[in-house]
Amino acid sequence: ARNTADLQMNNLKPEDTAVYYCYGR
């Protein structure tokens, strides 16, 4: 309804460090 997509990230680790990009198709 709102055209949104969320990413809940728990128990984050140093190797998760990055630039995160949203992608749509």
PDBML (XML) file of the C-alpha atoms, coordinates in Angstrom:
<?xml version="1.0" encoding="UTF-8" ?>
<PDBx:datablock datablockName="MODEL"
   xmlns:PDBx="http://pdbml.pdb.org/schema/pdbx-v50.xsd"
   xmlns:xsi="http://www.w3.org/2001/XMLSchema-instance"
   xsi:schemaLocation="http://pdbml.pdb.org/schema/pdbx-v50.xsd pdbx-v50.xsd">
   <PDBx:atom_siteCategory>
      <PDBx:atom_site id="1">
         <PDBx:B_iso_or_equiv>0.00</PDBx:B_iso_or_equiv>
         <PDBx:Cartn_x>0.000</PDBx:Cartn_x>
         <PDBx:Cartn_y>0.000</PDBx:Cartn_y>
         <PDBx:Cartn_z>0.000</PDBx:Cartn_z>
         <PDBx:auth_asym_id>A</PDBx:auth_asym_id>
         <PDBx:auth_atom_id>CA</PDBx:auth_atom_id>
         <PDBx:auth_comp_id>ALA</PDBx:auth_comp_id>
         <PDBx:auth_seq_id>1</PDBx:auth_seq_id>
         <PDBx:group_PDB>ATOM</PDBx:group_PDB>
         <PDBx:label_alt_id xsi:nil="true" />
         <PDBx:label_asym_id>A</PDBx:label_asym_id>
         <PDBx:label_atom_id>CA</PDBx:label_atom_id>
         <PDBx:label_comp_id>ALA</PDBx:label_comp_id>
         <PDBx:label_entity_id>1</PDBx:label_entity_id>
         <PDBx:label_seq_id>1</PDBx:label_seq_id>
         <PDBx:occupancy>1.00</PDBx:occupancy>
         <PDBx:pdbx_PDB_model_num>1</PDBx:pdbx_PDB_model_num>
         <PDBx:type_symbol>C</PDBx:type_symbol>
      </PDBx:atom_site>
      <PDBx:atom_site id="2">
         <PDBx:B_iso_or_equiv>0.00</PDBx:B_iso_or_equiv>
         <PDBx:Cartn_x>2.914</PDBx:Cartn_x>
         <PDBx:Cartn_y>2.335</PDBx:Cartn_y>
         <PDBx:Cartn_z>0.746</PDBx:Cartn_z>
         <PDBx:auth_asym_id>A</PDBx:auth_asym_id>
         <PDBx:auth_atom_id>CA</PDBx:auth_atom_id>
         <PDBx:auth_comp_id>ARG</PDBx:auth_comp_id>
         <PDBx:auth_seq_id>2</PDBx:auth_seq_id>
         <PDBx:group_PDB>ATOM</PDBx:group_PDB>
         <PDBx:label_alt_id xsi:nil="true" />
         <PDBx:label_asym_id>A</PDBx:label_asym_id>
         <PDBx:label_atom_id>CA</PDBx:label_atom_id>
         <PDBx:label_comp_id>ARG</PDBx:label_comp_id>
         <PDBx:label_entity_id>1</PDBx:label_entity_id>
         <PDBx:label_seq_id>2</PDBx:label_seq_id>
         <PDBx:occupancy>1.00</PDBx:occupancy>
         <PDBx:pdbx_PDB_model_num>1</PDBx:pdbx_PDB_model_num>
         <PDBx:type_symbol>C</PDBx:type_symbol>
      </PDBx:atom_site>
      <PDBx:atom_site id="3">
         <PDBx:B_iso_or_equiv>0.00</PDBx:B_iso_or_equiv>
         <PDBx:Cartn_x>5.338</PDBx:Cartn_x>
         <PDBx:Cartn_y>0.900</PDBx:Cartn_y>
         <PDBx:Cartn_z>-1.878</PDBx:Cartn_z>
         <PDBx:auth_asym_id>A</PDBx:auth_asym_id>
         <PDBx:auth_atom_id>CA</PDBx:auth_atom_id>
         <PDBx:auth_comp_id>ASN</PDBx:auth_comp_id>
         <PDBx:auth_seq_id>3</PDBx:auth_seq_id>
         <PDBx:group_PDB>ATOM</PDBx:group_PDB>
         <PDBx:label_alt_id xsi:nil="true" />
         <PDBx:label_asym_id>A</PDBx:label_asym_id>
         <PDBx:label_atom_id>CA</PDBx:label_atom_id>
         <PDBx:label_comp_id>ASN</PDBx:label_comp_id>
         <PDBx:label_entity_id>1</PDBx:label_entity_id>
         <PDBx:label_seq_id>3</PDBx:label_seq_id>
         <PDBx:occupancy>1.00</PDBx:occupancy>
         <PDBx:pdbx_PDB_model_num>1</PDBx:pdbx_PDB_model_num>
         <PDBx:type_symbol>C</PDBx:type_symbol>
      </PDBx:atom_site>
      <PDBx:atom_site id="4">
         <PDBx:B_iso_or_equiv>0.00</PDBx:B_iso_or_equiv>
         <PDBx:Cartn_x>8.011</PDBx:Cartn_x>
         <PDBx:Cartn_y>0.289</PDBx:Cartn_y>
         <PDBx:Cartn_z>0.736</PDBx:Cartn_z>
         <PDBx:auth_asym_id>A</PDBx:auth_asym_id>
         <PDBx:auth_atom_id>CA</PDBx:auth_atom_id>
         <PDBx:auth_comp_id>THR</PDBx:auth_comp_id>
         <PDBx:auth_seq_id>4</PDBx:auth_seq_id>
         <PDBx:group_PDB>ATOM</PDBx:group_PDB>
         <PDBx:label_alt_id xsi:nil="true" />
         <PDBx:label_asym_id>A</PDBx:label_asym_id>
         <PDBx:label_atom_id>CA</PDBx:label_atom_id>
         <PDBx:label_comp_id>THR</PDBx:label_comp_id>
         <PDBx:label_entity_id>1</PDBx:label_entity_id>
         <PDBx:label_seq_id>4</PDBx:label_seq_id>
         <PDBx:occupancy>1.00</PDBx:occupancy>
         <PDBx:pdbx_PDB_model_num>1</PDBx:pdbx_PDB_model_num>
         <PDBx:type_symbol>C</PDBx:type_symbol>
      </PDBx:atom_site>
      <PDBx:atom_site id="5">
         <PDBx:B_iso_or_equiv>0.00</PDBx:B_iso_or_equiv>
         <PDBx:Cartn_x>10.401</PDBx:Cartn_x>
         <PDBx:Cartn_y>-2.556</PDBx:Cartn_y>
         <PDBx:Cartn_z>1.527</PDBx:Cartn_z>
         <PDBx:auth_asym_id>A</PDBx:auth_asym_id>
         <PDBx:auth_atom_id>CA</PDBx:auth_atom_id>
         <PDBx:auth_comp_id>ALA</PDBx:auth_comp_id>
         <PDBx:auth_seq_id>5</PDBx:auth_seq_id>
         <PDBx:group_PDB>ATOM</PDBx:group_PDB>
         <PDBx:label_alt_id xsi:nil="true" />
         <PDBx:label_asym_id>A</PDBx:label_asym_id>
         <PDBx:label_atom_id>CA</PDBx:label_atom_id>
         <PDBx:label_comp_id>ALA</PDBx:label_comp_id>
         <PDBx:label_entity_id>1</PDBx:label_entity_id>
         <PDBx:label_seq_id>5</PDBx:label_seq_id>
         <PDBx:occupancy>1.00</PDBx:occupancy>
         <PDBx:pdbx_PDB_model_num>1</PDBx:pdbx_PDB_model_num>
         <PDBx:type_symbol>C</PDBx:type_symbol>
      </PDBx:atom_site>
      <PDBx:atom_site id="6">
         <PDBx:B_iso_or_equiv>0.00</PDBx:B_iso_or_equiv>
         <PDBx:Cartn_x>12.207</PDBx:Cartn_x>
         <PDBx:Cartn_y>-2.794</PDBx:Cartn_y>
         <PDBx:Cartn_z>4.839</PDBx:Cartn_z>
         <PDBx:auth_asym_id>A</PDBx:auth_asym_id>
         <PDBx:auth_atom_id>CA</PDBx:auth_atom_id>
         <PDBx:auth_comp_id>ASP</PDBx:auth_comp_id>
         <PDBx:auth_seq_id>6</PDBx:auth_seq_id>
         <PDBx:group_PDB>ATOM</PDBx:group_PDB>
         <PDBx:label_alt_id xsi:nil="true" />
         <PDBx:label_asym_id>A</PDBx:label_asym_id>
         <PDBx:label_atom_id>CA</PDBx:label_atom_id>
         <PDBx:label_comp_id>ASP</PDBx:label_comp_id>
         <PDBx:label_entity_id>1</PDBx:label_entity_id>
         <PDBx:label_seq_id>6</PDBx:label_seq_id>
         <PDBx:occupancy>1.00</PDBx:occupancy>
         <PDBx:pdbx_PDB_model_num>1</PDBx:pdbx_PDB_model_num>
         <PDBx:type_symbol>C</PDBx:type_symbol>
      </PDBx:atom_site>
      <PDBx:atom_site id="7">
         <PDBx:B_iso_or_equiv>0.00</PDBx:B_iso_or_equiv>
         <PDBx:Cartn_x>15.215</PDBx:Cartn_x>
         <PDBx:Cartn_y>-4.838</PDBx:Cartn_y>
         <PDBx:Cartn_z>5.884</PDBx:Cartn_z>
         <PDBx:auth_asym_id>A</PDBx:auth_asym_id>
         <PDBx:auth_atom_id>CA</PDBx:auth_atom_id>
         <PDBx:auth_comp_id>LEU</PDBx:auth_comp_id>
         <PDBx:auth_seq_id>7</PDBx:auth_seq_id>
         <PDBx:group_PDB>ATOM</PDBx:group_PDB>
         <PDBx:label_alt_id xsi:nil="true" />
         <PDBx:label_asym_id>A</PDBx:label_asym_id>
         <PDBx:label_atom_id>CA</PDBx:label_atom_id>
         <PDBx:label_comp_id>LEU</PDBx:label_comp_id>
         <PDBx:label_entity_id>1</PDBx:label_entity_id>
         <PDBx:label_seq_id>7</PDBx:label_seq_id>
         <PDBx:occupancy>1.00</PDBx:occupancy>
         <PDBx:pdbx_PDB_model_num>1</PDBx:pdbx_PDB_model_num>
         <PDBx:type_symbol>C</PDBx:type_symbol>
      </PDBx:atom_site>
      <PDBx:atom_site id="8">
         <PDBx:B_iso_or_equiv>0.00</PDBx:B_iso_or_equiv>
         <PDBx:Cartn_x>15.384</PDBx:Cartn_x>
         <PDBx:Cartn_y>-5.610</PDBx:Cartn_y>
         <PDBx:Cartn_z>9.593</PDBx:Cartn_z>
         <PDBx:auth_asym_id>A</PDBx:auth_asym_id>
         <PDBx:auth_atom_id>CA</PDBx:auth_atom_id>
         <PDBx:auth_comp_id>GLN</PDBx:auth_comp_id>
         <PDBx:auth_seq_id>8</PDBx:auth_seq_id>
         <PDBx:group_PDB>ATOM</PDBx:group_PDB>
         <PDBx:label_alt_id xsi:nil="true" />
         <PDBx:label_asym_id>A</PDBx:label_asym_id>
         <PDBx:label_atom_id>CA</PDBx:label_atom_id>
         <PDBx:label_comp_id>GLN</PDBx:label_comp_id>
         <PDBx:label_entity_id>1</PDBx:label_entity_id>
         <PDBx:label_seq_id>8</PDBx:label_seq_id>
         <PDBx:occupancy>1.00</PDBx:occupancy>
         <PDBx:pdbx_PDB_model_num>1</PDBx:pdbx_PDB_model_num>
         <PDBx:type_symbol>C</PDBx:type_symbol>
      </PDBx:atom_site>
      <PDBx:atom_site id="9">
         <PDBx:B_iso_or_equiv>0.00</PDBx:B_iso_or_equiv>
         <PDBx:Cartn_x>18.939</PDBx:Cartn_x>
         <PDBx:Cartn_y>-6.548</PDBx:Cartn_y>
         <PDBx:Cartn_z>10.481</PDBx:Cartn_z>
         <PDBx:auth_asym_id>A</PDBx:auth_asym_id>
         <PDBx:auth_atom_id>CA</PDBx:auth_atom_id>
         <PDBx:auth_comp_id>MET</PDBx:auth_comp_id>
         <PDBx:auth_seq_id>9</PDBx:auth_seq_id>
         <PDBx:group_PDB>ATOM</PDBx:group_PDB>
         <PDBx:label_alt_id xsi:nil="true" />
         <PDBx:label_asym_id>A</PDBx:label_asym_id>
         <PDBx:label_atom_id>CA</PDBx:label_atom_id>
         <PDBx:label_comp_id>MET</PDBx:label_comp_id>
         <PDBx:label_entity_id>1</PDBx:label_entity_id>
         <PDBx:label_seq_id>9</PDBx:label_seq_id>
         <PDBx:occupancy>1.00</PDBx:occupancy>
         <PDBx:pdbx_PDB_model_num>1</PDBx:pdbx_PDB_model_num>
         <PDBx:type_symbol>C</PDBx:type_symbol>
      </PDBx:atom_site>
      <PDBx:atom_site id="10">
         <PDBx:B_iso_or_equiv>0.00</PDBx:B_iso_or_equiv>
         <PDBx:Cartn_x>19.634</PDBx:Cartn_x>
         <PDBx:Cartn_y>-8.194</PDBx:Cartn_y>
         <PDBx:Cartn_z>13.837</PDBx:Cartn_z>
         <PDBx:auth_asym_id>A</PDBx:auth_asym_id>
         <PDBx:auth_atom_id>CA</PDBx:auth_atom_id>
         <PDBx:auth_comp_id>ASN</PDBx:auth_comp_id>
         <PDBx:auth_seq_id>10</PDBx:auth_seq_id>
         <PDBx:group_PDB>ATOM</PDBx:group_PDB>
         <PDBx:label_alt_id xsi:nil="true" />
         <PDBx:label_asym_id>A</PDBx:label_asym_id>
         <PDBx:label_atom_id>CA</PDBx:label_atom_id>
         <PDBx:label_comp_id>ASN</PDBx:label_comp_id>
         <PDBx:label_entity_id>1</PDBx:label_entity_id>
         <PDBx:label_seq_id>10</PDBx:label_seq_id>
         <PDBx:occupancy>1.00</PDBx:occupancy>
         <PDBx:pdbx_PDB_model_num>1</PDBx:pdbx_PDB_model_num>
         <PDBx:type_symbol>C</PDBx:type_symbol>
      </PDBx:atom_site>
      <PDBx:atom_site id="11">
         <PDBx:B_iso_or_equiv>0.00</PDBx:B_iso_or_equiv>
         <PDBx:Cartn_x>22.786</PDBx:Cartn_x>
         <PDBx:Cartn_y>-9.612</PDBx:Cartn_y>
         <PDBx:Cartn_z>15.405</PDBx:Cartn_z>
         <PDBx:auth_asym_id>A</PDBx:auth_asym_id>
         <PDBx:auth_atom_id>CA</PDBx:auth_atom_id>
         <PDBx:auth_comp_id>ASN</PDBx:auth_comp_id>
         <PDBx:auth_seq_id>11</PDBx:auth_seq_id>
         <PDBx:group_PDB>ATOM</PDBx:group_PDB>
         <PDBx:label_alt_id xsi:nil="true" />
         <PDBx:label_asym_id>A</PDBx:label_asym_id>
         <PDBx:label_atom_id>CA</PDBx:label_atom_id>
         <PDBx:label_comp_id>ASN</PDBx:label_comp_id>
         <PDBx:label_entity_id>1</PDBx:label_entity_id>
         <PDBx:label_seq_id>11</PDBx:label_seq_id>
         <PDBx:occupancy>1.00</PDBx:occupancy>
         <PDBx:pdbx_PDB_model_num>1</PDBx:pdbx_PDB_model_num>
         <PDBx:type_symbol>C</PDBx:type_symbol>
      </PDBx:atom_site>
      <PDBx:atom_site id="12">
         <PDBx:B_iso_or_equiv>0.00</PDBx:B_iso_or_equiv>
         <PDBx:Cartn_x>24.905</PDBx:Cartn_x>
         <PDBx:Cartn_y>-7.538</PDBx:Cartn_y>
         <PDBx:Cartn_z>13.050</PDBx:Cartn_z>
         <PDBx:auth_asym_id>A</PDBx:auth_asym_id>
         <PDBx:auth_atom_id>CA</PDBx:auth_atom_id>
         <PDBx:auth_comp_id>LEU</PDBx:auth_comp_id>
         <PDBx:auth_seq_id>12</PDBx:auth_seq_id>
         <PDBx:group_PDB>ATOM</PDBx:group_PDB>
         <PDBx:label_alt_id xsi:nil="true" />
         <PDBx:label_asym_id>A</PDBx:label_asym_id>
         <PDBx:label_atom_id>CA</PDBx:label_atom_id>
         <PDBx:label_comp_id>LEU</PDBx:label_comp_id>
         <PDBx:label_entity_id>1</PDBx:label_entity_id>
         <PDBx:label_seq_id>12</PDBx:label_seq_id>
         <PDBx:occupancy>1.00</PDBx:occupancy>
         <PDBx:pdbx_PDB_model_num>1</PDBx:pdbx_PDB_model_num>
         <PDBx:type_symbol>C</PDBx:type_symbol>
      </PDBx:atom_site>
      <PDBx:atom_site id="13">
         <PDBx:B_iso_or_equiv>0.00</PDBx:B_iso_or_equiv>
         <PDBx:Cartn_x>28.489</PDBx:Cartn_x>
         <PDBx:Cartn_y>-8.559</PDBx:Cartn_y>
         <PDBx:Cartn_z>12.442</PDBx:Cartn_z>
         <PDBx:auth_asym_id>A</PDBx:auth_asym_id>
         <PDBx:auth_atom_id>CA</PDBx:auth_atom_id>
         <PDBx:auth_comp_id>LYS</PDBx:auth_comp_id>
         <PDBx:auth_seq_id>13</PDBx:auth_seq_id>
         <PDBx:group_PDB>ATOM</PDBx:group_PDB>
         <PDBx:label_alt_id xsi:nil="true" />
         <PDBx:label_asym_id>A</PDBx:label_asym_id>
         <PDBx:label_atom_id>CA</PDBx:label_atom_id>
         <PDBx:label_comp_id>LYS</PDBx:label_comp_id>
         <PDBx:label_entity_id>1</PDBx:label_entity_id>
         <PDBx:label_seq_id>13</PDBx:label_seq_id>
         <PDBx:occupancy>1.00</PDBx:occupancy>
         <PDBx:pdbx_PDB_model_num>1</PDBx:pdbx_PDB_model_num>
         <PDBx:type_symbol>C</PDBx:type_symbol>
      </PDBx:atom_site>
      <PDBx:atom_site id="14">
         <PDBx:B_iso_or_equiv>0.00</PDBx:B_iso_or_equiv>
         <PDBx:Cartn_x>31.502</PDBx:Cartn_x>
         <PDBx:Cartn_y>-6.535</PDBx:Cartn_y>
         <PDBx:Cartn_z>11.243</PDBx:Cartn_z>
         <PDBx:auth_asym_id>A</PDBx:auth_asym_id>
         <PDBx:auth_atom_id>CA</PDBx:auth_atom_id>
         <PDBx:auth_comp_id>PRO</PDBx:auth_comp_id>
         <PDBx:auth_seq_id>14</PDBx:auth_seq_id>
         <PDBx:group_PDB>ATOM</PDBx:group_PDB>
         <PDBx:label_alt_id xsi:nil="true" />
         <PDBx:label_asym_id>A</PDBx:label_asym_id>
         <PDBx:label_atom_id>CA</PDBx:label_atom_id>
         <PDBx:label_comp_id>PRO</PDBx:label_comp_id>
         <PDBx:label_entity_id>1</PDBx:label_entity_id>
         <PDBx:label_seq_id>14</PDBx:label_seq_id>
         <PDBx:occupancy>1.00</PDBx:occupancy>
         <PDBx:pdbx_PDB_model_num>1</PDBx:pdbx_PDB_model_num>
         <PDBx:type_symbol>C</PDBx:type_symbol>
      </PDBx:atom_site>
      <PDBx:atom_site id="15">
         <PDBx:B_iso_or_equiv>0.00</PDBx:B_iso_or_equiv>
         <PDBx:Cartn_x>31.329</PDBx:Cartn_x>
         <PDBx:Cartn_y>-8.413</PDBx:Cartn_y>
         <PDBx:Cartn_z>7.938</PDBx:Cartn_z>
         <PDBx:auth_asym_id>A</PDBx:auth_asym_id>
         <PDBx:auth_atom_id>CA</PDBx:auth_atom_id>
         <PDBx:auth_comp_id>GLU</PDBx:auth_comp_id>
         <PDBx:auth_seq_id>15</PDBx:auth_seq_id>
         <PDBx:group_PDB>ATOM</PDBx:group_PDB>
         <PDBx:label_alt_id xsi:nil="true" />
         <PDBx:label_asym_id>A</PDBx:label_asym_id>
         <PDBx:label_atom_id>CA</PDBx:label_atom_id>
         <PDBx:label_comp_id>GLU</PDBx:label_comp_id>
         <PDBx:label_entity_id>1</PDBx:label_entity_id>
         <PDBx:label_seq_id>15</PDBx:label_seq_id>
         <PDBx:occupancy>1.00</PDBx:occupancy>
         <PDBx:pdbx_PDB_model_num>1</PDBx:pdbx_PDB_model_num>
         <PDBx:type_symbol>C</PDBx:type_symbol>
      </PDBx:atom_site>
      <PDBx:atom_site id="16">
         <PDBx:B_iso_or_equiv>0.00</PDBx:B_iso_or_equiv>
         <PDBx:Cartn_x>27.891</PDBx:Cartn_x>
         <PDBx:Cartn_y>-6.878</PDBx:Cartn_y>
         <PDBx:Cartn_z>7.343</PDBx:Cartn_z>
         <PDBx:auth_asym_id>A</PDBx:auth_asym_id>
         <PDBx:auth_atom_id>CA</PDBx:auth_atom_id>
         <PDBx:auth_comp_id>ASP</PDBx:auth_comp_id>
         <PDBx:auth_seq_id>16</PDBx:auth_seq_id>
         <PDBx:group_PDB>ATOM</PDBx:group_PDB>
         <PDBx:label_alt_id xsi:nil="true" />
         <PDBx:label_asym_id>A</PDBx:label_asym_id>
         <PDBx:label_atom_id>CA</PDBx:label_atom_id>
         <PDBx:label_comp_id>ASP</PDBx:label_comp_id>
         <PDBx:label_entity_id>1</PDBx:label_entity_id>
         <PDBx:label_seq_id>16</PDBx:label_seq_id>
         <PDBx:occupancy>1.00</PDBx:occupancy>
         <PDBx:pdbx_PDB_model_num>1</PDBx:pdbx_PDB_model_num>
         <PDBx:type_symbol>C</PDBx:type_symbol>
      </PDBx:atom_site>
      <PDBx:atom_site id="17">
         <PDBx:B_iso_or_equiv>0.00</PDBx:B_iso_or_equiv>
         <PDBx:Cartn_x>29.570</PDBx:Cartn_x>
         <PDBx:Cartn_y>-3.500</PDBx:Cartn_y>
         <PDBx:Cartn_z>6.931</PDBx:Cartn_z>
         <PDBx:auth_asym_id>A</PDBx:auth_asym_id>
         <PDBx:auth_atom_id>CA</PDBx:auth_atom_id>
         <PDBx:auth_comp_id>THR</PDBx:auth_comp_id>
         <PDBx:auth_seq_id>17</PDBx:auth_seq_id>
         <PDBx:group_PDB>ATOM</PDBx:group_PDB>
         <PDBx:label_alt_id xsi:nil="true" />
         <PDBx:label_asym_id>A</PDBx:label_asym_id>
         <PDBx:label_atom_id>CA</PDBx:label_atom_id>
         <PDBx:label_comp_id>THR</PDBx:label_comp_id>
         <PDBx:label_entity_id>1</PDBx:label_entity_id>
         <PDBx:label_seq_id>17</PDBx:label_seq_id>
         <PDBx:occupancy>1.00</PDBx:occupancy>
         <PDBx:pdbx_PDB_model_num>1</PDBx:pdbx_PDB_model_num>
         <PDBx:type_symbol>C</PDBx:type_symbol>
      </PDBx:atom_site>
      <PDBx:atom_site id="18">
         <PDBx:B_iso_or_equiv>0.00</PDBx:B_iso_or_equiv>
         <PDBx:Cartn_x>28.780</PDBx:Cartn_x>
         <PDBx:Cartn_y>-2.200</PDBx:Cartn_y>
         <PDBx:Cartn_z>3.454</PDBx:Cartn_z>
         <PDBx:auth_asym_id>A</PDBx:auth_asym_id>
         <PDBx:auth_atom_id>CA</PDBx:auth_atom_id>
         <PDBx:auth_comp_id>ALA</PDBx:auth_comp_id>
         <PDBx:auth_seq_id>18</PDBx:auth_seq_id>
         <PDBx:group_PDB>ATOM</PDBx:group_PDB>
         <PDBx:label_alt_id xsi:nil="true" />
         <PDBx:label_asym_id>A</PDBx:label_asym_id>
         <PDBx:label_atom_id>CA</PDBx:label_atom_id>
         <PDBx:label_comp_id>ALA</PDBx:label_comp_id>
         <PDBx:label_entity_id>1</PDBx:label_entity_id>
         <PDBx:label_seq_id>18</PDBx:label_seq_id>
         <PDBx:occupancy>1.00</PDBx:occupancy>
         <PDBx:pdbx_PDB_model_num>1</PDBx:pdbx_PDB_model_num>
         <PDBx:type_symbol>C</PDBx:type_symbol>
      </PDBx:atom_site>
      <PDBx:atom_site id="19">
         <PDBx:B_iso_or_equiv>0.00</PDBx:B_iso_or_equiv>
         <PDBx:Cartn_x>26.779</PDBx:Cartn_x>
         <PDBx:Cartn_y>0.273</PDBx:Cartn_y>
         <PDBx:Cartn_z>1.452</PDBx:Cartn_z>
         <PDBx:auth_asym_id>A</PDBx:auth_asym_id>
         <PDBx:auth_atom_id>CA</PDBx:auth_atom_id>
         <PDBx:auth_comp_id>VAL</PDBx:auth_comp_id>
         <PDBx:auth_seq_id>19</PDBx:auth_seq_id>
         <PDBx:group_PDB>ATOM</PDBx:group_PDB>
         <PDBx:label_alt_id xsi:nil="true" />
         <PDBx:label_asym_id>A</PDBx:label_asym_id>
         <PDBx:label_atom_id>CA</PDBx:label_atom_id>
         <PDBx:label_comp_id>VAL</PDBx:label_comp_id>
         <PDBx:label_entity_id>1</PDBx:label_entity_id>
         <PDBx:label_seq_id>19</PDBx:label_seq_id>
         <PDBx:occupancy>1.00</PDBx:occupancy>
         <PDBx:pdbx_PDB_model_num>1</PDBx:pdbx_PDB_model_num>
         <PDBx:type_symbol>C</PDBx:type_symbol>
      </PDBx:atom_site>
      <PDBx:atom_site id="20">
         <PDBx:B_iso_or_equiv>0.00</PDBx:B_iso_or_equiv>
         <PDBx:Cartn_x>23.286</PDBx:Cartn_x>
         <PDBx:Cartn_y>-1.166</PDBx:Cartn_y>
         <PDBx:Cartn_z>1.163</PDBx:Cartn_z>
         <PDBx:auth_asym_id>A</PDBx:auth_asym_id>
         <PDBx:auth_atom_id>CA</PDBx:auth_atom_id>
         <PDBx:auth_comp_id>TYR</PDBx:auth_comp_id>
         <PDBx:auth_seq_id>20</PDBx:auth_seq_id>
         <PDBx:group_PDB>ATOM</PDBx:group_PDB>
         <PDBx:label_alt_id xsi:nil="true" />
         <PDBx:label_asym_id>A</PDBx:label_asym_id>
         <PDBx:label_atom_id>CA</PDBx:label_atom_id>
         <PDBx:label_comp_id>TYR</PDBx:label_comp_id>
         <PDBx:label_entity_id>1</PDBx:label_entity_id>
         <PDBx:label_seq_id>20</PDBx:label_seq_id>
         <PDBx:occupancy>1.00</PDBx:occupancy>
         <PDBx:pdbx_PDB_model_num>1</PDBx:pdbx_PDB_model_num>
         <PDBx:type_symbol>C</PDBx:type_symbol>
      </PDBx:atom_site>
      <PDBx:atom_site id="21">
         <PDBx:B_iso_or_equiv>0.00</PDBx:B_iso_or_equiv>
         <PDBx:Cartn_x>21.280</PDBx:Cartn_x>
         <PDBx:Cartn_y>-0.511</PDBx:Cartn_y>
         <PDBx:Cartn_z>-1.989</PDBx:Cartn_z>
         <PDBx:auth_asym_id>A</PDBx:auth_asym_id>
         <PDBx:auth_atom_id>CA</PDBx:auth_atom_id>
         <PDBx:auth_comp_id>TYR</PDBx:auth_comp_id>
         <PDBx:auth_seq_id>21</PDBx:auth_seq_id>
         <PDBx:group_PDB>ATOM</PDBx:group_PDB>
         <PDBx:label_alt_id xsi:nil="true" />
         <PDBx:label_asym_id>A</PDBx:label_asym_id>
         <PDBx:label_atom_id>CA</PDBx:label_atom_id>
         <PDBx:label_comp_id>TYR</PDBx:label_comp_id>
         <PDBx:label_entity_id>1</PDBx:label_entity_id>
         <PDBx:label_seq_id>21</PDBx:label_seq_id>
         <PDBx:occupancy>1.00</PDBx:occupancy>
         <PDBx:pdbx_PDB_model_num>1</PDBx:pdbx_PDB_model_num>
         <PDBx:type_symbol>C</PDBx:type_symbol>
      </PDBx:atom_site>
      <PDBx:atom_site id="22">
         <PDBx:B_iso_or_equiv>0.00</PDBx:B_iso_or_equiv>
         <PDBx:Cartn_x>17.605</PDBx:Cartn_x>
         <PDBx:Cartn_y>-0.894</PDBx:Cartn_y>
         <PDBx:Cartn_z>-2.681</PDBx:Cartn_z>
         <PDBx:auth_asym_id>A</PDBx:auth_asym_id>
         <PDBx:auth_atom_id>CA</PDBx:auth_atom_id>
         <PDBx:auth_comp_id>CYS</PDBx:auth_comp_id>
         <PDBx:auth_seq_id>22</PDBx:auth_seq_id>
         <PDBx:group_PDB>ATOM</PDBx:group_PDB>
         <PDBx:label_alt_id xsi:nil="true" />
         <PDBx:label_asym_id>A</PDBx:label_asym_id>
         <PDBx:label_atom_id>CA</PDBx:label_atom_id>
         <PDBx:label_comp_id>CYS</PDBx:label_comp_id>
         <PDBx:label_entity_id>1</PDBx:label_entity_id>
         <PDBx:label_seq_id>22</PDBx:label_seq_id>
         <PDBx:occupancy>1.00</PDBx:occupancy>
         <PDBx:pdbx_PDB_model_num>1</PDBx:pdbx_PDB_model_num>
         <PDBx:type_symbol>C</PDBx:type_symbol>
      </PDBx:atom_site>
      <PDBx:atom_site id="23">
         <PDBx:B_iso_or_equiv>0.00</PDBx:B_iso_or_equiv>
         <PDBx:Cartn_x>16.817</PDBx:Cartn_x>
         <PDBx:Cartn_y>-2.516</PDBx:Cartn_y>
         <PDBx:Cartn_z>-6.033</PDBx:Cartn_z>
         <PDBx:auth_asym_id>A</PDBx:auth_asym_id>
         <PDBx:auth_atom_id>CA</PDBx:auth_atom_id>
         <PDBx:auth_comp_id>TYR</PDBx:auth_comp_id>
         <PDBx:auth_seq_id>23</PDBx:auth_seq_id>
         <PDBx:group_PDB>ATOM</PDBx:group_PDB>
         <PDBx:label_alt_id xsi:nil="true" />
         <PDBx:label_asym_id>A</PDBx:label_asym_id>
         <PDBx:label_atom_id>CA</PDBx:label_atom_id>
         <PDBx:label_comp_id>TYR</PDBx:label_comp_id>
         <PDBx:label_entity_id>1</PDBx:label_entity_id>
         <PDBx:label_seq_id>23</PDBx:label_seq_id>
         <PDBx:occupancy>1.00</PDBx:occupancy>
         <PDBx:pdbx_PDB_model_num>1</PDBx:pdbx_PDB_model_num>
         <PDBx:type_symbol>C</PDBx:type_symbol>
      </PDBx:atom_site>
      <PDBx:atom_site id="24">
         <PDBx:B_iso_or_equiv>0.00</PDBx:B_iso_or_equiv>
         <PDBx:Cartn_x>13.483</PDBx:Cartn_x>
         <PDBx:Cartn_y>-2.785</PDBx:Cartn_y>
         <PDBx:Cartn_z>-7.783</PDBx:Cartn_z>
         <PDBx:auth_asym_id>A</PDBx:auth_asym_id>
         <PDBx:auth_atom_id>CA</PDBx:auth_atom_id>
         <PDBx:auth_comp_id>GLY</PDBx:auth_comp_id>
         <PDBx:auth_seq_id>24</PDBx:auth_seq_id>
         <PDBx:group_PDB>ATOM</PDBx:group_PDB>
         <PDBx:label_alt_id xsi:nil="true" />
         <PDBx:label_asym_id>A</PDBx:label_asym_id>
         <PDBx:label_atom_id>CA</PDBx:label_atom_id>
         <PDBx:label_comp_id>GLY</PDBx:label_comp_id>
         <PDBx:label_entity_id>1</PDBx:label_entity_id>
         <PDBx:label_seq_id>24</PDBx:label_seq_id>
         <PDBx:occupancy>1.00</PDBx:occupancy>
         <PDBx:pdbx_PDB_model_num>1</PDBx:pdbx_PDB_model_num>
         <PDBx:type_symbol>C</PDBx:type_symbol>
      </PDBx:atom_site>
      <PDBx:atom_site id="25">
         <PDBx:B_iso_or_equiv>0.00</PDBx:B_iso_or_equiv>
         <PDBx:Cartn_x>12.296</PDBx:Cartn_x>
         <PDBx:Cartn_y>-4.700</PDBx:Cartn_y>
         <PDBx:Cartn_z>-10.807</PDBx:Cartn_z>
         <PDBx:auth_asym_id>A</PDBx:auth_asym_id>
         <PDBx:auth_atom_id>CA</PDBx:auth_atom_id>
         <PDBx:auth_comp_id>ARG</PDBx:auth_comp_id>
         <PDBx:auth_seq_id>25</PDBx:auth_seq_id>
         <PDBx:group_PDB>ATOM</PDBx:group_PDB>
         <PDBx:label_alt_id xsi:nil="true" />
         <PDBx:label_asym_id>A</PDBx:label_asym_id>
         <PDBx:label_atom_id>CA</PDBx:label_atom_id>
         <PDBx:label_comp_id>ARG</PDBx:label_comp_id>
         <PDBx:label_entity_id>1</PDBx:label_entity_id>
         <PDBx:label_seq_id>25</PDBx:label_seq_id>
         <PDBx:occupancy>1.00</PDBx:occupancy>
         <PDBx:pdbx_PDB_model_num>1</PDBx:pdbx_PDB_model_num>
         <PDBx:type_symbol>C</PDBx:type_symbol>
      </PDBx:atom_site>
   </PDBx:atom_siteCategory>
</PDBx:datablock>
